[in-house]
């Protein structure tokens, strides 16, 4: 795991080689077997109550806790995991700050090249994109009115596969 803290426009971490290679390949294989879902299918599914294979959950949570150890964030209780496989050219979420229930967020990019996360100085700024790299994670401590970010996968030909982990 290689971690770098960036402080502009707000503090966040980029983590390369988030999972050990063998674990990462197991996660890629799991995603390969999953159907891609439309936004409406994801919205109406029970994503937050979904259970994933225990070995997948364990590997992700273990690396998540290791990544958190590089921050000054102290609570590791109530980890929420959500694995997403979004159709090409289908997903978009404009500039937003995560909900008040989220305290820390991490997104892991899984699989073929896609669009990374866009970080913004404010709700209406253009922002800059964090480059998508396989097995790269983007992590930040949620701050209302500060940690503006967005994502999309417009102009892509592959599903956008991510593992989202939050402390709530």
C-alpha atoms as a PDB file:
ATOM      1  CA  UNK A   1       0.000   0.000   0.000  1.00  0.00           C
ATOM      2  CA  UNK A   2       1.415   3.391  -1.038  1.00  0.00           C
ATOM      3  CA  UNK A   3      -0.372   6.384   0.443  1.00  0.00           C
ATOM      4  CA  UNK A   4       0.001  10.096  -0.277  1.00  0.00           C
ATOM      5  CA  UNK A   5      -1.844  12.927   1.429  1.00  0.00           C
ATOM      6  CA  UNK A   6      -2.871  15.901  -0.696  1.00  0.00           C
ATOM      7  CA  UNK A   7      -4.083  19.112   0.936  1.00  0.00           C
ATOM      8  CA  UNK A   8      -5.421  21.203  -1.986  1.00  0.00           C
ATOM      9  CA  UNK A   9      -8.242  22.069  -2.430  1.00  0.00           C
ATOM     10  CA  UNK A  10      -8.958  20.108   0.751  1.00  0.00           C
ATOM     11  CA  UNK A  11      -7.250  17.222   2.520  1.00  0.00           C
ATOM     12  CA  UNK A  12      -7.523  13.733   0.994  1.00  0.00           C
ATOM     13  CA  UNK A  13      -5.416  10.636   0.426  1.00  0.00           C
ATOM     14  CA  UNK A  14      -4.547   8.704  -2.735  1.00  0.00           C
ATOM     15  CA  UNK A  15      -3.689   5.083  -2.025  1.00  0.00           C
ATOM     16  CA  UNK A  16      -2.083   2.961  -4.729  1.00  0.00           C
ATOM     17  CA  UNK A  17      -1.895  -0.825  -4.384  1.00  0.00           C
ATOM     18  CA  UNK A  18      -4.740  -0.637  -1.868  1.00  0.00           C
ATOM     19  CA  UNK A  19      -5.221  -4.415  -1.849  1.00  0.00           C
ATOM     20  CA  UNK A  20      -2.485  -7.032  -2.083  1.00  0.00           C
ATOM     21  CA  UNK A  21      -2.339  -8.223  -5.726  1.00  0.00           C
ATOM     22  CA  UNK A  22      -3.887 -11.653  -5.028  1.00  0.00           C
ATOM     23  CA  UNK A  23      -6.816 -10.051  -3.168  1.00  0.00           C
ATOM     24  CA  UNK A  24      -7.255  -7.448  -5.886  1.00  0.00           C
ATOM     25  CA  UNK A  25      -7.463 -10.150  -8.575  1.00  0.00           C
ATOM     26  CA  UNK A  26     -10.058 -12.003  -6.475  1.00  0.00           C
ATOM     27  CA  UNK A  27     -12.136  -8.801  -6.295  1.00  0.00           C
ATOM     28  CA  UNK A  28     -11.815  -8.259 -10.075  1.00  0.00           C
ATOM     29  CA  UNK A  29     -13.005 -11.855 -10.609  1.00  0.00           C
ATOM     30  CA  UNK A  30     -15.988 -11.259  -8.318  1.00  0.00           C
ATOM     31  CA  UNK A  31     -16.945  -8.098 -10.240  1.00  0.00           C
ATOM     32  CA  UNK A  32     -16.611  -9.946 -13.569  1.00  0.00           C
ATOM     33  CA  UNK A  33     -19.418 -12.277 -12.450  1.00  0.00           C
ATOM     34  CA  UNK A  34     -21.771  -9.462 -11.389  1.00  0.00           C
ATOM     35  CA  UNK A  35     -24.302  -7.767 -13.687  1.00  0.00           C
ATOM     36  CA  UNK A  36     -23.941  -4.050 -14.305  1.00  0.00           C
ATOM     37  CA  UNK A  37     -26.939  -2.087 -13.029  1.00  0.00           C
ATOM     38  CA  UNK A  38     -28.652   1.082 -14.168  1.00  0.00           C
ATOM     39  CA  UNK A  39     -28.914   3.998 -11.782  1.00  0.00           C
ATOM     40  CA  UNK A  40     -32.580   3.216 -11.119  1.00  0.00           C
ATOM     41  CA  UNK A  41     -31.825  -0.465 -10.442  1.00  0.00           C
ATOM     42  CA  UNK A  42     -29.121   0.535  -7.944  1.00  0.00           C
ATOM     43  CA  UNK A  43     -31.351   3.173  -6.365  1.00  0.00           C
ATOM     44  CA  UNK A  44     -34.187   0.687  -5.804  1.00  0.00           C
ATOM     45  CA  UNK A  45     -32.027  -2.254  -4.775  1.00  0.00           C
ATOM     46  CA  UNK A  46     -31.140  -2.975  -1.195  1.00  0.00           C
ATOM     47  CA  UNK A  47     -27.467  -2.018  -1.664  1.00  0.00           C
ATOM     48  CA  UNK A  48     -26.833  -0.946   1.902  1.00  0.00           C
ATOM     49  CA  UNK A  49     -28.241  -4.168   3.311  1.00  0.00           C
ATOM     50  CA  UNK A  50     -26.518  -6.374   0.736  1.00  0.00           C
ATOM     51  CA  UNK A  51     -24.120  -9.005   2.044  1.00  0.00           C
ATOM     52  CA  UNK A  52     -21.020  -9.826   0.060  1.00  0.00           C
ATOM     53  CA  UNK A  53     -18.913 -12.982   0.252  1.00  0.00           C
ATOM     54  CA  UNK A  54     -17.159 -12.968   3.661  1.00  0.00           C
ATOM     55  CA  UNK A  55     -13.691 -13.220   2.104  1.00  0.00           C
ATOM     56  CA  UNK A  56     -14.385 -10.126  -0.048  1.00  0.00           C
ATOM     57  CA  UNK A  57     -15.696  -8.160   2.939  1.00  0.00           C
ATOM     58  CA  UNK A  58     -12.756  -9.215   5.110  1.00  0.00           C
ATOM     59  CA  UNK A  59     -10.078  -8.266   2.567  1.00  0.00           C
ATOM     60  CA  UNK A  60     -11.652  -4.854   1.896  1.00  0.00           C
ATOM     61  CA  UNK A  61     -12.243  -3.998   5.540  1.00  0.00           C
ATOM     62  CA  UNK A  62      -8.720  -5.104   6.551  1.00  0.00           C
ATOM     63  CA  UNK A  63      -7.139  -2.801   3.951  1.00  0.00           C
ATOM     64  CA  UNK A  64      -9.590  -0.009   4.825  1.00  0.00           C
ATOM     65  CA  UNK A  65      -8.584  -0.135   8.493  1.00  0.00           C
ATOM     66  CA  UNK A  66      -4.897  -0.125   7.499  1.00  0.00           C
ATOM     67  CA  UNK A  67      -5.466   2.954   5.294  1.00  0.00           C
ATOM     68  CA  UNK A  68      -7.301   4.753   8.108  1.00  0.00           C
ATOM     69  CA  UNK A  69      -4.270   4.234  10.345  1.00  0.00           C
ATOM     70  CA  UNK A  70      -2.397   6.785   8.182  1.00  0.00           C
ATOM     71  CA  UNK A  71      -4.903   9.508   9.122  1.00  0.00           C
ATOM     72  CA  UNK A  72      -5.780  11.241  12.379  1.00  0.00           C
ATOM     73  CA  UNK A  73      -9.263   9.692  12.216  1.00  0.00           C
ATOM     74  CA  UNK A  74      -9.876   7.567  15.313  1.00  0.00           C
ATOM     75  CA  UNK A  75     -13.231   5.770  15.020  1.00  0.00           C
ATOM     76  CA  UNK A  76     -13.415   2.519  13.048  1.00  0.00           C
ATOM     77  CA  UNK A  77     -16.913   1.544  14.157  1.00  0.00           C
ATOM     78  CA  UNK A  78     -19.820   1.001  11.775  1.00  0.00           C
ATOM     79  CA  UNK A  79     -18.125   0.353   8.456  1.00  0.00           C
ATOM     80  CA  UNK A  80     -20.527   0.326   5.521  1.00  0.00           C
ATOM     81  CA  UNK A  81     -19.472  -1.456   2.312  1.00  0.00           C
ATOM     82  CA  UNK A  82     -21.066  -1.029  -1.113  1.00  0.00           C
ATOM     83  CA  UNK A  83     -19.802  -2.640  -4.323  1.00  0.00           C
ATOM     84  CA  UNK A  84     -20.999  -0.943  -7.513  1.00  0.00           C
ATOM     85  CA  UNK A  85     -20.851  -2.036 -11.145  1.00  0.00           C
ATOM     86  CA  UNK A  86     -22.320   0.806 -13.177  1.00  0.00           C
ATOM     87  CA  UNK A  87     -23.138   0.619 -16.852  1.00  0.00           C
ATOM     88  CA  UNK A  88     -20.911   2.553 -19.286  1.00  0.00           C
ATOM     89  CA  UNK A  89     -22.114   6.092 -19.972  1.00  0.00           C
ATOM     90  CA  UNK A  90     -24.770   5.746 -17.294  1.00  0.00           C
ATOM     91  CA  UNK A  91     -23.526   6.929 -13.923  1.00  0.00           C
ATOM     92  CA  UNK A  92     -23.237  10.545 -12.906  1.00  0.00           C
ATOM     93  CA  UNK A  93     -23.415  12.290  -9.575  1.00  0.00           C
ATOM     94  CA  UNK A  94     -22.779  16.033  -9.604  1.00  0.00           C
ATOM     95  CA  UNK A  95     -20.831  17.985  -6.987  1.00  0.00           C
ATOM     96  CA  UNK A  96     -21.889  17.026  -3.485  1.00  0.00           C
ATOM     97  CA  UNK A  97     -20.636  16.595   0.047  1.00  0.00           C
ATOM     98  CA  UNK A  98     -21.426  13.208   1.556  1.00  0.00           C
ATOM     99  CA  UNK A  99     -24.367  12.939   3.926  1.00  0.00           C
ATOM    100  CA  UNK A 100     -23.992  13.889   7.574  1.00  0.00           C
ATOM    101  CA  UNK A 101     -24.121  10.200   8.518  1.00  0.00           C
ATOM    102  CA  UNK A 102     -20.792   9.548   6.763  1.00  0.00           C
ATOM    103  CA  UNK A 103     -17.651  10.420   8.701  1.00  0.00           C
ATOM    104  CA  UNK A 104     -14.978   9.009   6.389  1.00  0.00           C
ATOM    105  CA  UNK A 105     -15.263   7.842   2.770  1.00  0.00           C
ATOM    106  CA  UNK A 106     -13.049   5.710   0.565  1.00  0.00           C
ATOM    107  CA  UNK A 107     -13.635   4.593  -3.013  1.00  0.00           C
ATOM    108  CA  UNK A 108     -11.501   1.870  -4.587  1.00  0.00           C
ATOM    109  CA  UNK A 109     -11.268   1.791  -8.386  1.00  0.00           C
ATOM    110  CA  UNK A 110     -11.584  -1.765  -9.699  1.00  0.00           C
ATOM    111  CA  UNK A 111     -10.903  -3.007 -13.208  1.00  0.00           C
ATOM    112  CA  UNK A 112     -10.373  -1.407 -16.559  1.00  0.00           C
ATOM    113  CA  UNK A 113      -9.744   2.276 -17.079  1.00  0.00           C
ATOM    114  CA  UNK A 114     -12.660   4.566 -16.364  1.00  0.00           C
ATOM    115  CA  UNK A 115     -13.262   8.010 -14.892  1.00  0.00           C
ATOM    116  CA  UNK A 116     -11.933   8.775 -11.423  1.00  0.00           C
ATOM    117  CA  UNK A 117     -13.436  11.089  -8.824  1.00  0.00           C
ATOM    118  CA  UNK A 118     -13.573  14.825  -9.450  1.00  0.00           C
ATOM    119  CA  UNK A 119     -12.683  17.037  -6.509  1.00  0.00           C
ATOM    120  CA  UNK A 120     -14.066  20.565  -6.295  1.00  0.00           C
ATOM    121  CA  UNK A 121     -13.208  23.699  -4.308  1.00  0.00           C
ATOM    122  CA  UNK A 122     -16.910  24.525  -4.086  1.00  0.00           C
ATOM    123  CA  UNK A 123     -20.253  23.233  -5.284  1.00  0.00           C
ATOM    124  CA  UNK A 124     -20.026  25.283  -8.470  1.00  0.00           C
ATOM    125  CA  UNK A 125     -16.329  24.979  -9.336  1.00  0.00           C
ATOM    126  CA  UNK A 126     -15.183  22.881 -12.282  1.00  0.00           C
ATOM    127  CA  UNK A 127     -12.857  20.637 -10.305  1.00  0.00           C
ATOM    128  CA  UNK A 128     -10.028  18.291 -11.225  1.00  0.00           C
ATOM    129  CA  UNK A 129     -10.183  14.545 -11.738  1.00  0.00           C
ATOM    130  CA  UNK A 130      -8.241  12.005  -9.750  1.00  0.00           C
ATOM    131  CA  UNK A 131      -6.803   9.621 -12.311  1.00  0.00           C
ATOM    132  CA  UNK A 132      -8.414   6.176 -12.408  1.00  0.00           C
ATOM    133  CA  UNK A 133      -5.829   3.479 -11.849  1.00  0.00           C
ATOM    134  CA  UNK A 134      -6.552  -0.120 -11.030  1.00  0.00           C
ATOM    135  CA  UNK A 135      -6.338  -0.819  -7.299  1.00  0.00           C
ATOM    136  CA  UNK A 136      -6.170   2.910  -6.463  1.00  0.00           C
ATOM    137  CA  UNK A 137      -8.263   4.319  -3.633  1.00  0.00           C
ATOM    138  CA  UNK A 138      -9.331   7.861  -2.864  1.00  0.00           C
ATOM    139  CA  UNK A 139     -10.093   8.584   0.807  1.00  0.00           C
ATOM    140  CA  UNK A 140     -11.198  11.650   2.765  1.00  0.00           C
ATOM    141  CA  UNK A 141     -12.681  12.720   6.079  1.00  0.00           C
ATOM    142  CA  UNK A 142     -16.135  14.149   5.327  1.00  0.00           C
ATOM    143  CA  UNK A 143     -16.569  17.861   6.022  1.00  0.00           C
ATOM    144  CA  UNK A 144     -19.878  19.487   5.135  1.00  0.00           C
ATOM    145  CA  UNK A 145     -19.431  22.442   2.816  1.00  0.00           C
ATOM    146  CA  UNK A 146     -15.766  21.538   2.184  1.00  0.00           C
ATOM    147  CA  UNK A 147     -15.285  18.071   0.665  1.00  0.00           C
ATOM    148  CA  UNK A 148     -17.105  18.660  -2.625  1.00  0.00           C
ATOM    149  CA  UNK A 149     -16.670  15.821  -5.106  1.00  0.00           C
ATOM    150  CA  UNK A 150     -18.441  14.229  -8.058  1.00  0.00           C
ATOM    151  CA  UNK A 151     -18.106  11.363 -10.514  1.00  0.00           C
ATOM    152  CA  UNK A 152     -19.347  10.222 -13.884  1.00  0.00           C
ATOM    153  CA  UNK A 153     -18.522   7.613 -16.482  1.00  0.00           C
ATOM    154  CA  UNK A 154     -19.605   9.498 -19.601  1.00  0.00           C
ATOM    155  CA  UNK A 155     -17.814   8.544 -22.807  1.00  0.00           C
ATOM    156  CA  UNK A 156     -16.735   5.152 -21.483  1.00  0.00           C
ATOM    157  CA  UNK A 157     -17.100   1.660 -22.910  1.00  0.00           C
ATOM    158  CA  UNK A 158     -16.562  -0.364 -19.740  1.00  0.00           C
ATOM    159  CA  UNK A 159     -18.594  -0.580 -16.530  1.00  0.00           C
ATOM    160  CA  UNK A 160     -17.430   1.613 -13.639  1.00  0.00           C
ATOM    161  CA  UNK A 161     -16.600  -0.835 -10.844  1.00  0.00           C
ATOM    162  CA  UNK A 162     -15.956   0.586  -7.396  1.00  0.00           C
ATOM    163  CA  UNK A 163     -15.820  -0.564  -3.817  1.00  0.00           C
ATOM    164  CA  UNK A 164     -17.160   2.189  -1.594  1.00  0.00           C
ATOM    165  CA  UNK A 165     -16.379   2.059   2.110  1.00  0.00           C
ATOM    166  CA  UNK A 166     -17.679   4.528   4.665  1.00  0.00           C
ATOM    167  CA  UNK A 167     -17.512   4.964   8.392  1.00  0.00           C
ATOM    168  CA  UNK A 168     -20.927   6.055   9.583  1.00  0.00           C
END
